[in-house]
Amino acid sequence: MNVNPIELQKCLGGMNYPADKKTVVDQAKQHGADKEIMGALEALPDKEYGTPAEINKEVNRHT
């Protein structure tokens, strides 16, 4: 799975941080994230994320 970081951030635009995994996944779903992005976000560890960069780092680690 190769997630485009720009597309990922577009799907998370406008989100308030810190945000937990559920909030991240819900935000992406509301912004029309594709199957690849949704799969990557759903595979993230269940924790709180402080910045968009932190989410990108975790996505890259798990893909």
N, C-alpha and C. Protein backbone atom coordinates (compact mmCIF):
# COMPACT_ATOMS: atom_id res chain seq x y z
N MET A 1 0.85 -1.18 0.00
CA MET A 1 0.00 0.00 0.00
C MET A 1 0.89 1.24 0.00
N ASN A 2 0.64 2.13 -0.95
CA ASN A 2 1.44 3.34 -1.06
C ASN A 2 0.51 4.54 -1.02
N VAL A 3 0.46 5.20 0.12
CA VAL A 3 -0.46 6.32 0.32
C VAL A 3 0.25 7.62 -0.05
N ASN A 4 -0.40 8.41 -0.90
CA ASN A 4 0.11 9.71 -1.28
C ASN A 4 -0.06 10.67 -0.10
N PRO A 5 1.03 11.21 0.45
CA PRO A 5 0.92 12.07 1.64
C PRO A 5 0.11 13.34 1.39
N ILE A 6 0.14 13.86 0.18
CA ILE A 6 -0.64 15.06 -0.13
C ILE A 6 -2.12 14.75 -0.11
N GLU A 7 -2.51 13.63 -0.72
CA GLU A 7 -3.92 13.22 -0.71
C GLU A 7 -4.38 12.93 0.71
N LEU A 8 -3.51 12.31 1.50
CA LEU A 8 -3.84 12.01 2.89
C LEU A 8 -4.13 13.30 3.64
N GLN A 9 -3.29 14.30 3.48
CA GLN A 9 -3.49 15.56 4.20
C GLN A 9 -4.73 16.30 3.72
N LYS A 10 -5.06 16.18 2.43
CA LYS A 10 -6.30 16.78 1.93
C LYS A 10 -7.51 16.18 2.63
N CYS A 11 -7.45 14.87 2.87
CA CYS A 11 -8.57 14.18 3.53
C CYS A 11 -8.68 14.56 5.01
N LEU A 12 -7.59 15.04 5.57
CA LEU A 12 -7.59 15.39 6.99
C LEU A 12 -7.67 16.91 7.20
N GLY A 13 -7.87 17.65 6.14
CA GLY A 13 -7.92 19.11 6.22
C GLY A 13 -8.99 19.61 7.18
N GLY A 14 -8.63 20.61 7.96
CA GLY A 14 -9.58 21.23 8.87
C GLY A 14 -9.75 20.52 10.20
N MET A 15 -9.00 19.45 10.40
CA MET A 15 -9.14 18.69 11.64
C MET A 15 -8.42 19.39 12.79
N ASN A 16 -9.01 19.32 13.98
CA ASN A 16 -8.39 19.88 15.17
C ASN A 16 -7.52 18.83 15.84
N TYR A 17 -6.35 19.26 16.27
CA TYR A 17 -5.42 18.36 16.96
C TYR A 17 -5.25 18.81 18.40
N PRO A 18 -4.96 17.90 19.30
CA PRO A 18 -4.77 16.47 19.10
C PRO A 18 -6.09 15.77 18.74
N ALA A 19 -5.94 14.64 18.05
CA ALA A 19 -7.10 13.86 17.61
C ALA A 19 -6.81 12.38 17.80
N ASP A 20 -7.82 11.65 18.25
CA ASP A 20 -7.65 10.20 18.41
C ASP A 20 -7.89 9.51 17.07
N LYS A 21 -7.56 8.24 17.02
CA LYS A 21 -7.67 7.47 15.78
C LYS A 21 -9.07 7.53 15.20
N LYS A 22 -10.10 7.38 16.02
CA LYS A 22 -11.48 7.39 15.52
C LYS A 22 -11.80 8.72 14.83
N THR A 23 -11.36 9.81 15.43
CA THR A 23 -11.59 11.13 14.84
C THR A 23 -10.88 11.26 13.50
N VAL A 24 -9.66 10.77 13.43
CA VAL A 24 -8.87 10.81 12.20
C VAL A 24 -9.59 10.02 11.09
N VAL A 25 -10.01 8.81 11.41
CA VAL A 25 -10.70 7.95 10.44
C VAL A 25 -12.02 8.59 10.00
N ASP A 26 -12.79 9.12 10.96
CA ASP A 26 -14.07 9.76 10.63
C ASP A 26 -13.87 10.98 9.73
N GLN A 27 -12.86 11.79 10.03
CA GLN A 27 -12.58 12.98 9.22
C GLN A 27 -12.24 12.59 7.79
N ALA A 28 -11.38 11.60 7.64
CA ALA A 28 -11.00 11.15 6.30
C ALA A 28 -12.21 10.63 5.52
N LYS A 29 -13.06 9.87 6.21
CA LYS A 29 -14.26 9.32 5.56
C LYS A 29 -15.17 10.45 5.08
N GLN A 30 -15.35 11.47 5.91
CA GLN A 30 -16.21 12.61 5.55
C GLN A 30 -15.65 13.40 4.37
N HIS A 31 -14.33 13.36 4.19
CA HIS A 31 -13.70 14.09 3.11
C HIS A 31 -13.43 13.21 1.89
N GLY A 32 -14.07 12.06 1.82
CA GLY A 32 -14.01 11.23 0.62
C GLY A 32 -12.71 10.49 0.39
N ALA A 33 -12.04 10.08 1.46
CA ALA A 33 -10.79 9.34 1.32
C ALA A 33 -11.02 8.05 0.53
N ASP A 34 -10.05 7.71 -0.31
CA ASP A 34 -10.18 6.48 -1.09
C ASP A 34 -9.88 5.26 -0.21
N LYS A 35 -10.09 4.10 -0.81
CA LYS A 35 -9.95 2.84 -0.08
C LYS A 35 -8.54 2.66 0.50
N GLU A 36 -7.53 3.09 -0.26
CA GLU A 36 -6.15 2.95 0.17
C GLU A 36 -5.87 3.80 1.43
N ILE A 37 -6.32 5.03 1.41
CA ILE A 37 -6.12 5.92 2.57
C ILE A 37 -6.90 5.39 3.77
N MET A 38 -8.13 4.99 3.55
CA MET A 38 -8.93 4.48 4.66
C MET A 38 -8.29 3.23 5.27
N GLY A 39 -7.78 2.35 4.44
CA GLY A 39 -7.12 1.15 4.95
C GLY A 39 -5.90 1.49 5.79
N ALA A 40 -5.12 2.47 5.32
CA ALA A 40 -3.93 2.89 6.06
C ALA A 40 -4.30 3.50 7.40
N LEU A 41 -5.32 4.34 7.42
CA LEU A 41 -5.72 4.99 8.67
C LEU A 41 -6.33 3.99 9.65
N GLU A 42 -7.10 3.04 9.14
CA GLU A 42 -7.70 2.04 10.02
C GLU A 42 -6.65 1.12 10.63
N ALA A 43 -5.47 1.03 9.99
CA ALA A 43 -4.39 0.19 10.52
C ALA A 43 -3.52 0.92 11.55
N LEU A 44 -3.78 2.20 11.75
CA LEU A 44 -2.98 2.97 12.71
C LEU A 44 -3.18 2.48 14.14
N PRO A 45 -2.16 2.66 14.97
CA PRO A 45 -2.33 2.34 16.40
C PRO A 45 -3.41 3.24 17.01
N ASP A 46 -4.13 2.70 17.96
CA ASP A 46 -5.22 3.44 18.61
C ASP A 46 -4.63 4.35 19.68
N LYS A 47 -4.29 5.57 19.26
CA LYS A 47 -3.71 6.55 20.18
C LYS A 47 -4.08 7.95 19.73
N GLU A 48 -3.61 8.95 20.44
CA GLU A 48 -3.88 10.33 20.08
C GLU A 48 -2.74 10.86 19.22
N TYR A 49 -3.09 11.61 18.18
CA TYR A 49 -2.12 12.18 17.25
C TYR A 49 -2.12 13.69 17.41
N GLY A 50 -0.91 14.26 17.57
CA GLY A 50 -0.78 15.68 17.85
C GLY A 50 -0.67 16.58 16.64
N THR A 51 -0.24 16.01 15.50
CA THR A 51 -0.04 16.80 14.29
C THR A 51 -0.31 15.96 13.04
N PRO A 52 -0.55 16.62 11.91
CA PRO A 52 -0.68 15.87 10.65
C PRO A 52 0.59 15.09 10.32
N ALA A 53 1.75 15.67 10.64
CA ALA A 53 3.02 14.99 10.36
C ALA A 53 3.13 13.69 11.13
N GLU A 54 2.60 13.67 12.35
CA GLU A 54 2.62 12.45 13.17
C GLU A 54 1.79 11.35 12.51
N ILE A 55 0.67 11.72 11.92
CA ILE A 55 -0.17 10.74 11.22
C ILE A 55 0.57 10.21 9.99
N ASN A 56 1.19 11.11 9.23
CA ASN A 56 1.96 10.69 8.05
C ASN A 56 3.05 9.71 8.44
N LYS A 57 3.75 10.00 9.51
CA LYS A 57 4.84 9.14 9.97
C LYS A 57 4.32 7.74 10.30
N GLU A 58 3.21 7.67 11.02
CA GLU A 58 2.63 6.38 11.38
C GLU A 58 2.13 5.63 10.15
N VAL A 59 1.51 6.34 9.22
CA VAL A 59 1.02 5.70 7.99
C VAL A 59 2.20 5.09 7.23
N ASN A 60 3.29 5.84 7.11
CA ASN A 60 4.46 5.34 6.40
C ASN A 60 5.08 4.15 7.10
N ARG A 61 5.01 4.12 8.40
CA ARG A 61 5.57 3.01 9.18
C ARG A 61 4.75 1.74 8.99
N HIS A 62 3.46 1.86 8.77
CA HIS A 62 2.57 0.70 8.71
C HIS A 62 2.17 0.29 7.29
N THR A 63 2.75 0.96 6.29
CA THR A 63 2.40 0.57 4.91
C THR A 63 3.58 -0.04 4.21
